[in-house]
Amino acid sequence: MELLFVTVIGAGIGFIVRYTMPGREHHGALLLPAVAAATTAAVWVALLWAGLTFDGGWIWLISLAAALVVSVALALLLPRRRVEHDQRLLHRLLNA
């Protein structure tokens, strides 16, 4: 049950990052929440396998921090890459 809770909280972190970071017009509305939720769930399960207990505070902190770090990194990287790709495509189409 805790896996569900932490995944939903991770998706919430993704929503917060989406609407607080610039460049959100360059990716879909659910991309960052989905990536944050998946990251949270994967890190949670990996930490459970590593021996942390679900009722400890560290597993929550590490899982949610991983969601924050990954979603912020994606929010910073994706718009820049998208603009570069769109400019290359426009240049290629205009020269064809």
PDB file of N, CA and C in Angstrom:
ATOM      1  N   MET A   1       0.818  -1.185   0.000  1.00  0.00           N
ATOM      2  CA  MET A   1       0.000   0.000   0.000  1.00  0.00           C
ATOM      3  C   MET A   1       0.870   1.260   0.000  1.00  0.00           C
ATOM      4  N   GLU A   2       2.002   1.194   0.681  1.00  0.00           N
ATOM      5  CA  GLU A   2       2.886   2.350   0.727  1.00  0.00           C
ATOM      6  C   GLU A   2       3.459   2.668  -0.645  1.00  0.00           C
ATOM      7  N   LEU A   3       3.654   1.629  -1.468  1.00  0.00           N
ATOM      8  CA  LEU A   3       4.151   1.854  -2.825  1.00  0.00           C
ATOM      9  C   LEU A   3       3.170   2.724  -3.608  1.00  0.00           C
ATOM     10  N   LEU A   4       1.893   2.493  -3.435  1.00  0.00           N
ATOM     11  CA  LEU A   4       0.886   3.316  -4.098  1.00  0.00           C
ATOM     12  C   LEU A   4       0.955   4.758  -3.597  1.00  0.00           C
ATOM     13  N   PHE A   5       1.059   4.927  -2.300  1.00  0.00           N
ATOM     14  CA  PHE A   5       1.120   6.274  -1.732  1.00  0.00           C
ATOM     15  C   PHE A   5       2.332   7.041  -2.236  1.00  0.00           C
ATOM     16  N   VAL A   6       3.481   6.406  -2.188  1.00  0.00           N
ATOM     17  CA  VAL A   6       4.705   7.103  -2.586  1.00  0.00           C
ATOM     18  C   VAL A   6       4.695   7.398  -4.093  1.00  0.00           C
ATOM     19  N   THR A   7       4.082   6.530  -4.879  1.00  0.00           N
ATOM     20  CA  THR A   7       4.001   6.768  -6.319  1.00  0.00           C
ATOM     21  C   THR A   7       3.092   7.954  -6.629  1.00  0.00           C
ATOM     22  N   VAL A   8       1.975   8.044  -5.925  1.00  0.00           N
ATOM     23  CA  VAL A   8       1.068   9.182  -6.129  1.00  0.00           C
ATOM     24  C   VAL A   8       1.733  10.482  -5.685  1.00  0.00           C
ATOM     25  N   ILE A   9       2.442  10.449  -4.584  1.00  0.00           N
ATOM     26  CA  ILE A   9       3.165  11.642  -4.135  1.00  0.00           C
ATOM     27  C   ILE A   9       4.246  12.015  -5.147  1.00  0.00           C
ATOM     28  N   GLY A  10       4.933  11.028  -5.694  1.00  0.00           N
ATOM     29  CA  GLY A  10       5.936  11.290  -6.727  1.00  0.00           C
ATOM     30  C   GLY A  10       5.324  11.934  -7.962  1.00  0.00           C
ATOM     31  N   ALA A  11       4.141  11.469  -8.370  1.00  0.00           N
ATOM     32  CA  ALA A  11       3.450  12.099  -9.500  1.00  0.00           C
ATOM     33  C   ALA A  11       3.082  13.538  -9.159  1.00  0.00           C
ATOM     34  N   GLY A  12       2.683  13.781  -7.929  1.00  0.00           N
ATOM     35  CA  GLY A  12       2.395  15.152  -7.494  1.00  0.00           C
ATOM     36  C   GLY A  12       3.625  16.038  -7.576  1.00  0.00           C
ATOM     37  N   ILE A  13       4.765  15.495  -7.212  1.00  0.00           N
ATOM     38  CA  ILE A  13       6.020  16.250  -7.342  1.00  0.00           C
ATOM     39  C   ILE A  13       6.267  16.583  -8.814  1.00  0.00           C
ATOM     40  N   GLY A  14       5.996  15.615  -9.684  1.00  0.00           N
ATOM     41  CA  GLY A  14       6.150  15.870 -11.118  1.00  0.00           C
ATOM     42  C   GLY A  14       5.231  16.972 -11.617  1.00  0.00           C
ATOM     43  N   PHE A  15       3.989  17.002 -11.125  1.00  0.00           N
ATOM     44  CA  PHE A  15       3.069  18.081 -11.501  1.00  0.00           C
ATOM     45  C   PHE A  15       3.582  19.429 -11.013  1.00  0.00           C
ATOM     46  N   ILE A  16       4.068  19.474  -9.794  1.00  0.00           N
ATOM     47  CA  ILE A  16       4.598  20.731  -9.258  1.00  0.00           C
ATOM     48  C   ILE A  16       5.786  21.211 -10.084  1.00  0.00           C
ATOM     49  N   VAL A  17       6.679  20.292 -10.417  1.00  0.00           N
ATOM     50  CA  VAL A  17       7.845  20.666 -11.233  1.00  0.00           C
ATOM     51  C   VAL A  17       7.396  21.148 -12.604  1.00  0.00           C
ATOM     52  N   ARG A  18       6.421  20.483 -13.196  1.00  0.00           N
ATOM     53  CA  ARG A  18       5.941  20.885 -14.518  1.00  0.00           C
ATOM     54  C   ARG A  18       5.450  22.325 -14.526  1.00  0.00           C
ATOM     55  N   TYR A  19       4.725  22.705 -13.510  1.00  0.00           N
ATOM     56  CA  TYR A  19       4.127  24.038 -13.511  1.00  0.00           C
ATOM     57  C   TYR A  19       4.991  25.110 -12.850  1.00  0.00           C
ATOM     58  N   THR A  20       6.136  24.752 -12.325  1.00  0.00           N
ATOM     59  CA  THR A  20       7.030  25.767 -11.760  1.00  0.00           C
ATOM     60  C   THR A  20       8.276  25.993 -12.607  1.00  0.00           C
ATOM     61  N   MET A  21       8.578  25.098 -13.515  1.00  0.00           N
ATOM     62  CA  MET A  21       9.763  25.243 -14.354  1.00  0.00           C
ATOM     63  C   MET A  21       9.383  25.868 -15.695  1.00  0.00           C
ATOM     64  N   PRO A  22      10.260  26.668 -16.276  1.00  0.00           N
ATOM     65  CA  PRO A  22       9.962  27.238 -17.592  1.00  0.00           C
ATOM     66  C   PRO A  22      10.092  26.183 -18.685  1.00  0.00           C
ATOM     67  N   GLY A  23       9.477  26.452 -19.825  1.00  0.00           N
ATOM     68  CA  GLY A  23       9.604  25.567 -20.981  1.00  0.00           C
ATOM     69  C   GLY A  23       8.579  24.456 -21.029  1.00  0.00           C
ATOM     70  N   ARG A  24       7.486  24.578 -20.298  1.00  0.00           N
ATOM     71  CA  ARG A  24       6.511  23.485 -20.261  1.00  0.00           C
ATOM     72  C   ARG A  24       5.729  23.360 -21.562  1.00  0.00           C
ATOM     73  N   GLU A  25       5.841  24.354 -22.446  1.00  0.00           N
ATOM     74  CA  GLU A  25       5.137  24.255 -23.720  1.00  0.00           C
ATOM     75  C   GLU A  25       5.840  23.294 -24.689  1.00  0.00           C
ATOM     76  N   HIS A  26       6.989  22.800 -24.305  1.00  0.00           N
ATOM     77  CA  HIS A  26       7.758  21.920 -25.183  1.00  0.00           C
ATOM     78  C   HIS A  26       7.594  20.438 -24.869  1.00  0.00           C
ATOM     79  N   HIS A  27       6.747  20.094 -23.921  1.00  0.00           N
ATOM     80  CA  HIS A  27       6.489  18.678 -23.636  1.00  0.00           C
ATOM     81  C   HIS A  27       5.068  18.518 -23.148  1.00  0.00           C
ATOM     82  N   GLY A  28       4.601  17.290 -23.122  1.00  0.00           N
ATOM     83  CA  GLY A  28       3.222  16.994 -22.753  1.00  0.00           C
ATOM     84  C   GLY A  28       2.936  17.237 -21.283  1.00  0.00           C
ATOM     85  N   ALA A  29       1.661  17.346 -20.979  1.00  0.00           N
ATOM     86  CA  ALA A  29       1.229  17.677 -19.622  1.00  0.00           C
ATOM     87  C   ALA A  29       1.512  16.559 -18.631  1.00  0.00           C
ATOM     88  N   LEU A  30       1.543  15.322 -19.077  1.00  0.00           N
ATOM     89  CA  LEU A  30       1.711  14.201 -18.157  1.00  0.00           C
ATOM     90  C   LEU A  30       3.097  13.576 -18.194  1.00  0.00           C
ATOM     91  N   LEU A  31       4.000  14.128 -18.990  1.00  0.00           N
ATOM     92  CA  LEU A  31       5.329  13.520 -19.094  1.00  0.00           C
ATOM     93  C   LEU A  31       6.089  13.574 -17.781  1.00  0.00           C
ATOM     94  N   LEU A  32       6.236  14.750 -17.199  1.00  0.00           N
ATOM     95  CA  LEU A  32       6.994  14.865 -15.952  1.00  0.00           C
ATOM     96  C   LEU A  32       6.334  14.121 -14.792  1.00  0.00           C
ATOM     97  N   PRO A  33       5.014  14.204 -14.618  1.00  0.00           N
ATOM     98  CA  PRO A  33       4.403  13.405 -13.545  1.00  0.00           C
ATOM     99  C   PRO A  33       4.594  11.898 -13.745  1.00  0.00           C
ATOM    100  N   ALA A  34       4.506  11.440 -14.981  1.00  0.00           N
ATOM    101  CA  ALA A  34       4.680  10.007 -15.236  1.00  0.00           C
ATOM    102  C   ALA A  34       6.110   9.564 -14.961  1.00  0.00           C
ATOM    103  N   VAL A  35       7.065  10.360 -15.388  1.00  0.00           N
ATOM    104  CA  VAL A  35       8.473  10.020 -15.146  1.00  0.00           C
ATOM    105  C   VAL A  35       8.784  10.068 -13.650  1.00  0.00           C
ATOM    106  N   ALA A  36       8.253  11.069 -12.958  1.00  0.00           N
ATOM    107  CA  ALA A  36       8.476  11.170 -11.516  1.00  0.00           C
ATOM    108  C   ALA A  36       7.850   9.991 -10.781  1.00  0.00           C
ATOM    109  N   ALA A  37       6.649   9.589 -11.175  1.00  0.00           N
ATOM    110  CA  ALA A  37       5.992   8.451 -10.536  1.00  0.00           C
ATOM    111  C   ALA A  37       6.762   7.161 -10.793  1.00  0.00           C
ATOM    112  N   ALA A  38       7.201   6.966 -12.013  1.00  0.00           N
ATOM    113  CA  ALA A  38       7.967   5.758 -12.334  1.00  0.00           C
ATOM    114  C   ALA A  38       9.297   5.727 -11.592  1.00  0.00           C
ATOM    115  N   THR A  39       9.951   6.864 -11.514  1.00  0.00           N
ATOM    116  CA  THR A  39      11.218   6.951 -10.783  1.00  0.00           C
ATOM    117  C   THR A  39      11.011   6.635  -9.313  1.00  0.00           C
ATOM    118  N   THR A  40       9.974   7.216  -8.722  1.00  0.00           N
ATOM    119  CA  THR A  40       9.685   6.974  -7.315  1.00  0.00           C
ATOM    120  C   THR A  40       9.436   5.501  -7.050  1.00  0.00           C
ATOM    121  N   ALA A  41       8.620   4.875  -7.889  1.00  0.00           N
ATOM    122  CA  ALA A  41       8.299   3.461  -7.696  1.00  0.00           C
ATOM    123  C   ALA A  41       9.537   2.581  -7.858  1.00  0.00           C
ATOM    124  N   ALA A  42      10.342   2.868  -8.869  1.00  0.00           N
ATOM    125  CA  ALA A  42      11.542   2.063  -9.108  1.00  0.00           C
ATOM    126  C   ALA A  42      12.542   2.196  -7.969  1.00  0.00           C
ATOM    127  N   VAL A  43      12.761   3.412  -7.501  1.00  0.00           N
ATOM    128  CA  VAL A  43      13.702   3.630  -6.398  1.00  0.00           C
ATOM    129  C   VAL A  43      13.161   2.992  -5.118  1.00  0.00           C
ATOM    130  N   TRP A  44      11.876   3.116  -4.870  1.00  0.00           N
ATOM    131  CA  TRP A  44      11.252   2.508  -3.683  1.00  0.00           C
ATOM    132  C   TRP A  44      11.482   0.999  -3.660  1.00  0.00           C
ATOM    133  N   VAL A  45      11.209   0.346  -4.785  1.00  0.00           N
ATOM    134  CA  VAL A  45      11.378  -1.108  -4.846  1.00  0.00           C
ATOM    135  C   VAL A  45      12.851  -1.488  -4.716  1.00  0.00           C
ATOM    136  N   ALA A  46      13.728  -0.733  -5.349  1.00  0.00           N
ATOM    137  CA  ALA A  46      15.160  -1.020  -5.237  1.00  0.00           C
ATOM    138  C   ALA A  46      15.627  -0.881  -3.790  1.00  0.00           C
ATOM    139  N   LEU A  47      15.130   0.126  -3.093  1.00  0.00           N
ATOM    140  CA  LEU A  47      15.513   0.305  -1.695  1.00  0.00           C
ATOM    141  C   LEU A  47      14.917  -0.772  -0.798  1.00  0.00           C
ATOM    142  N   LEU A  48      13.725  -1.237  -1.127  1.00  0.00           N
ATOM    143  CA  LEU A  48      13.163  -2.367  -0.372  1.00  0.00           C
ATOM    144  C   LEU A  48      14.029  -3.606  -0.556  1.00  0.00           C
ATOM    145  N   TRP A  49      14.452  -3.867  -1.786  1.00  0.00           N
ATOM    146  CA  TRP A  49      15.325  -5.009  -2.046  1.00  0.00           C
ATOM    147  C   TRP A  49      16.670  -4.847  -1.360  1.00  0.00           C
ATOM    148  N   ALA A  50      17.103  -3.599  -1.187  1.00  0.00           N
ATOM    149  CA  ALA A  50      18.381  -3.336  -0.525  1.00  0.00           C
ATOM    150  C   ALA A  50      18.297  -3.495   0.991  1.00  0.00           C
ATOM    151  N   GLY A  51      17.087  -3.638   1.506  1.00  0.00           N
ATOM    152  CA  GLY A  51      16.959  -3.909   2.924  1.00  0.00           C
ATOM    153  C   GLY A  51      16.305  -2.817   3.753  1.00  0.00           C
ATOM    154  N   LEU A  52      15.970  -1.681   3.170  1.00  0.00           N
ATOM    155  CA  LEU A  52      15.274  -0.649   3.929  1.00  0.00           C
ATOM    156  C   LEU A  52      13.832  -1.100   4.180  1.00  0.00           C
ATOM    157  N   THR A  53      13.270  -0.653   5.261  1.00  0.00           N
ATOM    158  CA  THR A  53      11.886  -1.027   5.572  1.00  0.00           C
ATOM    159  C   THR A  53      10.940   0.066   5.099  1.00  0.00           C
ATOM    160  N   PHE A  54       9.712  -0.338   4.784  1.00  0.00           N
ATOM    161  CA  PHE A  54       8.747   0.609   4.240  1.00  0.00           C
ATOM    162  C   PHE A  54       8.278   1.635   5.260  1.00  0.00           C
ATOM    163  N   ASP A  55       8.464   1.366   6.534  1.00  0.00           N
ATOM    164  CA  ASP A  55       8.016   2.308   7.548  1.00  0.00           C
ATOM    165  C   ASP A  55       9.135   3.223   8.041  1.00  0.00           C
ATOM    166  N   GLY A  56      10.287   3.142   7.415  1.00  0.00           N
ATOM    167  CA  GLY A  56      11.393   4.015   7.776  1.00  0.00           C
ATOM    168  C   GLY A  56      11.320   5.331   7.016  1.00  0.00           C
ATOM    169  N   GLY A  57      11.925   6.334   7.537  1.00  0.00           N
ATOM    170  CA  GLY A  57      11.878   7.637   6.892  1.00  0.00           C
ATOM    171  C   GLY A  57      12.809   7.778   5.703  1.00  0.00           C
ATOM    172  N   TRP A  58      13.926   7.055   5.723  1.00  0.00           N
ATOM    173  CA  TRP A  58      14.918   7.203   4.652  1.00  0.00           C
ATOM    174  C   TRP A  58      14.393   6.741   3.307  1.00  0.00           C
ATOM    175  N   ILE A  59      13.620   5.680   3.293  1.00  0.00           N
ATOM    176  CA  ILE A  59      13.106   5.169   2.018  1.00  0.00           C
ATOM    177  C   ILE A  59      12.170   6.186   1.367  1.00  0.00           C
ATOM    178  N   TRP A  60      11.386   6.870   2.192  1.00  0.00           N
ATOM    179  CA  TRP A  60      10.502   7.913   1.675  1.00  0.00           C
ATOM    180  C   TRP A  60      11.314   9.093   1.151  1.00  0.00           C
ATOM    181  N   LEU A  61      12.266   9.540   1.934  1.00  0.00           N
ATOM    182  CA  LEU A  61      13.070  10.696   1.561  1.00  0.00           C
ATOM    183  C   LEU A  61      13.857  10.438   0.281  1.00  0.00           C
ATOM    184  N   ILE A  62      14.511   9.311   0.197  1.00  0.00           N
ATOM    185  CA  ILE A  62      15.334   9.005  -0.978  1.00  0.00           C
ATOM    186  C   ILE A  62      14.464   8.831  -2.219  1.00  0.00           C
ATOM    187  N   SER A  63      13.344   8.138  -2.096  1.00  0.00           N
ATOM    188  CA  SER A  63      12.467   7.912  -3.247  1.00  0.00           C
ATOM    189  C   SER A  63      11.891   9.211  -3.775  1.00  0.00           C
ATOM    190  N   LEU A  64      11.414  10.059  -2.885  1.00  0.00           N
ATOM    191  CA  LEU A  64      10.815  11.316  -3.318  1.00  0.00           C
ATOM    192  C   LEU A  64      11.876  12.302  -3.810  1.00  0.00           C
ATOM    193  N   ALA A  65      13.054  12.274  -3.222  1.00  0.00           N
ATOM    194  CA  ALA A  65      14.145  13.122  -3.708  1.00  0.00           C
ATOM    195  C   ALA A  65      14.573  12.690  -5.106  1.00  0.00           C
ATOM    196  N   ALA A  66      14.591  11.398  -5.369  1.00  0.00           N
ATOM    197  CA  ALA A  66      14.936  10.903  -6.705  1.00  0.00           C
ATOM    198  C   ALA A  66      13.917  11.389  -7.727  1.00  0.00           C
ATOM    199  N   ALA A  67      12.641  11.378  -7.362  1.00  0.00           N
ATOM    200  CA  ALA A  67      11.605  11.879  -8.268  1.00  0.00           C
ATOM    201  C   ALA A  67      11.815  13.360  -8.560  1.00  0.00           C
ATOM    202  N   LEU A  68      12.154  14.108  -7.543  1.00  0.00           N
ATOM    203  CA  LEU A  68      12.388  15.546  -7.720  1.00  0.00           C
ATOM    204  C   LEU A  68      13.585  15.795  -8.623  1.00  0.00           C
ATOM    205  N   VAL A  69      14.680  15.110  -8.367  1.00  0.00           N
ATOM    206  CA  VAL A  69      15.901  15.312  -9.151  1.00  0.00           C
ATOM    207  C   VAL A  69      15.684  14.933 -10.612  1.00  0.00           C
ATOM    208  N   VAL A  70      15.058  13.794 -10.857  1.00  0.00           N
ATOM    209  CA  VAL A  70      14.859  13.340 -12.229  1.00  0.00           C
ATOM    210  C   VAL A  70      13.894  14.256 -12.971  1.00  0.00           C
ATOM    211  N   SER A  71      12.814  14.665 -12.330  1.00  0.00           N
ATOM    212  CA  SER A  71      11.852  15.521 -13.026  1.00  0.00           C
ATOM    213  C   SER A  71      12.415  16.916 -13.283  1.00  0.00           C
ATOM    214  N   VAL A  72      13.195  17.460 -12.365  1.00  0.00           N
ATOM    215  CA  VAL A  72      13.822  18.769 -12.602  1.00  0.00           C
ATOM    216  C   VAL A  72      14.855  18.660 -13.723  1.00  0.00           C
ATOM    217  N   ALA A  73      15.650  17.605 -13.719  1.00  0.00           N
ATOM    218  CA  ALA A  73      16.638  17.421 -14.783  1.00  0.00           C
ATOM    219  C   ALA A  73      15.961  17.298 -16.145  1.00  0.00           C
ATOM    220  N   LEU A  74      14.888  16.547 -16.202  1.00  0.00           N
ATOM    221  CA  LEU A  74      14.155  16.398 -17.457  1.00  0.00           C
ATOM    222  C   LEU A  74      13.499  17.714 -17.872  1.00  0.00           C
ATOM    223  N   ALA A  75      12.971  18.453 -16.910  1.00  0.00           N
ATOM    224  CA  ALA A  75      12.340  19.743 -17.218  1.00  0.00           C
ATOM    225  C   ALA A  75      13.353  20.756 -17.742  1.00  0.00           C
ATOM    226  N   LEU A  76      14.596  20.648 -17.320  1.00  0.00           N
ATOM    227  CA  LEU A  76      15.635  21.550 -17.810  1.00  0.00           C
ATOM    228  C   LEU A  76      16.210  21.103 -19.147  1.00  0.00           C
ATOM    229  N   LEU A  77      16.349  19.814 -19.334  1.00  0.00           N
ATOM    230  CA  LEU A  77      16.991  19.275 -20.532  1.00  0.00           C
ATOM    231  C   LEU A  77      16.051  19.212 -21.733  1.00  0.00           C
ATOM    232  N   LEU A  78      14.839  18.784 -21.514  1.00  0.00           N
ATOM    233  CA  LEU A  78      13.929  18.511 -22.617  1.00  0.00           C
ATOM    234  C   LEU A  78      13.590  19.733 -23.474  1.00  0.00           C
ATOM    235  N   PRO A  79      13.250  20.903 -22.913  1.00  0.00           N
ATOM    236  CA  PRO A  79      12.940  22.045 -23.778  1.00  0.00           C
ATOM    237  C   PRO A  79      14.108  22.470 -24.656  1.00  0.00           C
ATOM    238  N   ARG A  80      15.304  22.449 -24.093  1.00  0.00           N
ATOM    239  CA  ARG A  80      16.478  22.842 -24.876  1.00  0.00           C
ATOM    240  C   ARG A  80      16.684  21.879 -26.048  1.00  0.00           C
ATOM    241  N   ARG A  81      16.578  20.593 -25.777  1.00  0.00           N
ATOM    242  CA  ARG A  81      16.754  19.593 -26.835  1.00  0.00           C
ATOM    243  C   ARG A  81      15.646  19.698 -27.881  1.00  0.00           C
ATOM    244  N   ARG A  82      14.438  19.973 -27.437  1.00  0.00           N
ATOM    245  CA  ARG A  82      13.308  20.073 -28.356  1.00  0.00           C
ATOM    246  C   ARG A  82      13.460  21.270 -29.285  1.00  0.00           C
ATOM    247  N   VAL A  83      13.886  22.408 -28.750  1.00  0.00           N
ATOM    248  CA  VAL A  83      14.086  23.600 -29.580  1.00  0.00           C
ATOM    249  C   VAL A  83      15.198  23.352 -30.595  1.00  0.00           C
ATOM    250  N   GLU A  84      16.297  22.743 -30.164  1.00  0.00           N
ATOM    251  CA  GLU A  84      17.394  22.434 -31.086  1.00  0.00           C
ATOM    252  C   GLU A  84      16.927  21.502 -32.201  1.00  0.00           C
ATOM    253  N   HIS A  85      16.178  20.495 -31.847  1.00  0.00           N
ATOM    254  CA  HIS A  85      15.683  19.552 -32.844  1.00  0.00           C
ATOM    255  C   HIS A  85      14.721  20.234 -33.813  1.00  0.00           C
ATOM    256  N   ASP A  86      13.835  21.070 -33.299  1.00  0.00           N
ATOM    257  CA  ASP A  86      12.894  21.776 -34.166  1.00  0.00           C
ATOM    258  C   ASP A  86      13.619  22.719 -35.117  1.00  0.00           C
ATOM    259  N   GLN A  87      14.664  23.387 -34.651  1.00  0.00           N
ATOM    260  CA  GLN A  87      15.430  24.275 -35.522  1.00  0.00           C
ATOM    261  C   GLN A  87      16.154  23.501 -36.618  1.00  0.00           C
ATOM    262  N   ARG A  88      16.725  22.344 -36.263  1.00  0.00           N
ATOM    263  CA  ARG A  88      17.385  21.511 -37.282  1.00  0.00           C
ATOM    264  C   ARG A  88      16.375  21.014 -38.314  1.00  0.00           C
ATOM    265  N   LEU A  89      15.206  20.614 -37.857  1.00  0.00           N
ATOM    266  CA  LEU A  89      14.185  20.133 -38.775  1.00  0.00           C
ATOM    267  C   LEU A  89      13.702  21.248 -39.678  1.00  0.00           C
ATOM    268  N   LEU A  90      13.478  22.442 -39.153  1.00  0.00           N
ATOM    269  CA  LEU A  90      13.057  23.568 -39.962  1.00  0.00           C
ATOM    270  C   LEU A  90      14.112  23.909 -41.008  1.00  0.00           C
ATOM    271  N   HIS A  91      15.370  23.919 -40.574  1.00  0.00           N
ATOM    272  CA  HIS A  91      16.464  24.198 -41.519  1.00  0.00           C
ATOM    273  C   HIS A  91      16.496  23.157 -42.629  1.00  0.00           C
ATOM    274  N   ARG A  92      16.328  21.895 -42.278  1.00  0.00           N
ATOM    275  CA  ARG A  92      16.352  20.831 -43.275  1.00  0.00           C
ATOM    276  C   ARG A  92      15.161  20.945 -44.213  1.00  0.00           C
ATOM    277  N   LEU A  93      13.999  21.280 -43.713  1.00  0.00           N
ATOM    278  CA  LEU A  93      12.816  21.385 -44.559  1.00  0.00           C
ATOM    279  C   LEU A  93      12.880  22.602 -45.488  1.00  0.00           C
ATOM    280  N   LEU A  94      13.438  23.692 -45.006  1.00  0.00           N
ATOM    281  CA  LEU A  94      13.550  24.885 -45.849  1.00  0.00           C
ATOM    282  C   LEU A  94      14.592  24.732 -46.949  1.00  0.00           C
ATOM    283  N   ASN A  95      15.588  23.911 -46.708  1.00  0.00           N
ATOM    284  CA  ASN A  95      16.639  23.699 -47.705  1.00  0.00           C
ATOM    285  C   ASN A  95      16.361  22.537 -48.637  1.00  0.00           C
ATOM    286  N   ALA A  96      15.267  21.866 -48.454  1.00  0.00           N
ATOM    287  CA  ALA A  96      14.964  20.703 -49.307  1.00  0.00           C
ATOM    288  C   ALA A  96      14.258  21.103 -50.563  1.00  0.00           C
TER     289      ALA A  96
END
